[in-house]
Amino acid sequence: MINFLKPATAVFAAGILAACATPATNETVSKGDKITAAMEGKMTDDGTVVACRSMQVTGSRFPAKECKSEKAWKEFDIVMAENAKSSTDRIQRLTTGCSTQGEGTC
């Protein structure tokens, strides 16, 4: 009897854990809610899905999980690309041309 209960209990527990881990896609996240990792896979008010990414934190070896809607991630990626381009352009302007010469006359 005991040998029968152990596998049955393990299967039951595995079924419960699988049901809890499956995201409910029919639930929506309102704009007032702070988006957390538990909301991953749910729909937002604007019709996009919540997605999470691991972000490297300065001063830490452990990444932080940040979750946003797909629309917010697209805006985030655009801003980050613009910042990277402007930083690269600024460095290239400072290290080339007349600014690298000691007398400053070209």
Protein backbone atom coordinates (compact mmCIF):
# COMPACT_ATOMS: atom_id res chain seq x y z
CA MET A 1 0.00 0.00 0.00
CA ILE A 2 2.81 2.42 0.85
CA ASN A 3 4.59 1.72 -2.46
CA PHE A 4 1.38 2.61 -4.31
CA LEU A 5 0.88 5.92 -2.47
CA LYS A 6 4.36 7.31 -3.11
CA PRO A 7 4.11 7.33 -6.94
CA ALA A 8 0.52 8.51 -6.82
CA THR A 9 1.45 11.36 -4.49
CA ALA A 10 4.40 12.32 -6.73
CA VAL A 11 2.19 12.40 -9.83
CA PHE A 12 -0.45 14.46 -8.02
CA ALA A 13 2.17 16.93 -6.75
CA ALA A 14 3.73 17.21 -10.21
CA GLY A 15 0.32 17.93 -11.72
CA ILE A 16 -0.35 20.70 -9.20
CA LEU A 17 3.07 22.26 -9.77
CA ALA A 18 2.61 22.15 -13.54
CA ALA A 19 -0.77 23.81 -13.26
CA CYS A 20 0.65 26.56 -11.07
CA ALA A 21 3.60 27.18 -13.39
CA THR A 22 1.46 27.56 -16.50
CA PRO A 23 0.72 31.25 -17.11
CA ALA A 24 -2.89 32.21 -17.56
CA THR A 25 -3.06 34.01 -20.90
CA ASN A 26 -6.66 35.11 -20.55
CA GLU A 27 -5.89 37.45 -17.64
CA THR A 28 -5.03 41.08 -18.34
CA VAL A 29 -2.75 43.54 -16.60
CA SER A 30 -4.11 47.04 -16.06
CA LYS A 31 -1.95 50.16 -16.38
CA GLY A 32 -2.10 50.77 -12.62
CA ASP A 33 -0.47 47.43 -11.84
CA LYS A 34 3.26 47.21 -11.31
CA ILE A 35 4.39 44.55 -13.77
CA THR A 36 6.18 41.66 -12.05
CA ALA A 37 7.67 38.35 -13.19
CA ALA A 38 4.48 36.57 -12.11
CA MET A 39 2.62 38.47 -14.86
CA GLU A 40 4.82 37.12 -17.66
CA GLY A 41 2.72 35.88 -20.56
CA LYS A 42 -0.39 37.85 -19.60
CA MET A 43 -2.00 40.48 -21.81
CA THR A 44 -1.76 44.21 -21.07
CA ASP A 45 -4.44 46.85 -21.66
CA ASP A 46 -2.88 47.82 -25.00
CA GLY A 47 -3.10 44.22 -26.28
CA THR A 48 0.56 43.21 -26.01
CA VAL A 49 2.01 40.37 -23.94
CA VAL A 50 4.19 40.91 -20.85
CA ALA A 51 7.74 39.68 -21.44
CA CYS A 52 10.66 39.47 -18.99
CA ARG A 53 14.37 39.94 -19.65
CA SER A 54 17.45 39.48 -17.48
CA MET A 55 19.19 42.83 -17.11
CA GLN A 56 22.79 43.17 -15.92
CA VAL A 57 23.01 45.34 -12.81
CA THR A 58 26.10 47.50 -12.36
CA GLY A 59 28.00 46.45 -9.25
CA SER A 60 26.37 43.04 -9.01
CA ARG A 61 27.14 39.64 -10.45
CA PHE A 62 23.48 38.71 -10.43
CA PRO A 63 21.14 39.87 -13.20
CA ALA A 64 17.80 41.40 -12.31
CA LYS A 65 14.64 40.26 -14.04
CA GLU A 66 12.72 43.17 -15.56
CA CYS A 67 9.27 42.72 -17.04
CA LYS A 68 7.47 45.07 -19.45
CA SER A 69 4.93 44.87 -22.23
CA GLU A 70 6.22 44.16 -25.73
CA LYS A 71 5.39 47.73 -26.72
CA ALA A 72 7.43 49.10 -23.78
CA TRP A 73 10.38 46.81 -24.69
CA LYS A 74 10.35 48.15 -28.27
CA GLU A 75 10.46 51.74 -26.96
CA PHE A 76 13.21 50.76 -24.51
CA ASP A 77 15.29 49.20 -27.32
CA ILE A 78 14.91 52.34 -29.47
CA VAL A 79 16.03 54.63 -26.64
CA MET A 80 19.00 52.39 -25.80
CA ALA A 81 20.10 52.29 -29.48
CA GLU A 82 19.90 56.09 -29.71
CA ASN A 83 21.93 56.49 -26.51
CA ALA A 84 24.59 54.07 -27.75
CA LYS A 85 24.84 55.87 -31.12
CA SER A 86 25.11 59.33 -29.57
CA SER A 87 27.76 58.16 -27.09
CA THR A 88 29.80 56.55 -29.86
CA ASP A 89 29.52 59.66 -32.05
CA ARG A 90 30.58 61.92 -29.16
CA ILE A 91 33.66 59.79 -28.41
CA GLN A 92 34.64 59.65 -32.08
CA ARG A 93 34.34 63.43 -32.42
CA LEU A 94 36.53 64.02 -29.36
CA THR A 95 39.30 61.63 -30.39
CA THR A 96 39.68 62.54 -34.08
CA GLY A 97 40.58 65.57 -36.12
CA CYS A 98 41.78 68.91 -34.76
CA SER A 99 40.90 68.17 -31.15
CA THR A 100 43.73 65.61 -30.90
CA GLN A 101 46.45 68.08 -31.87
CA GLY A 102 48.19 70.06 -29.13
CA GLU A 103 48.06 73.49 -30.75
CA GLY A 104 44.44 73.19 -31.91
CA THR A 105 45.02 74.75 -35.36
CA CYS A 106 44.16 72.75 -38.45
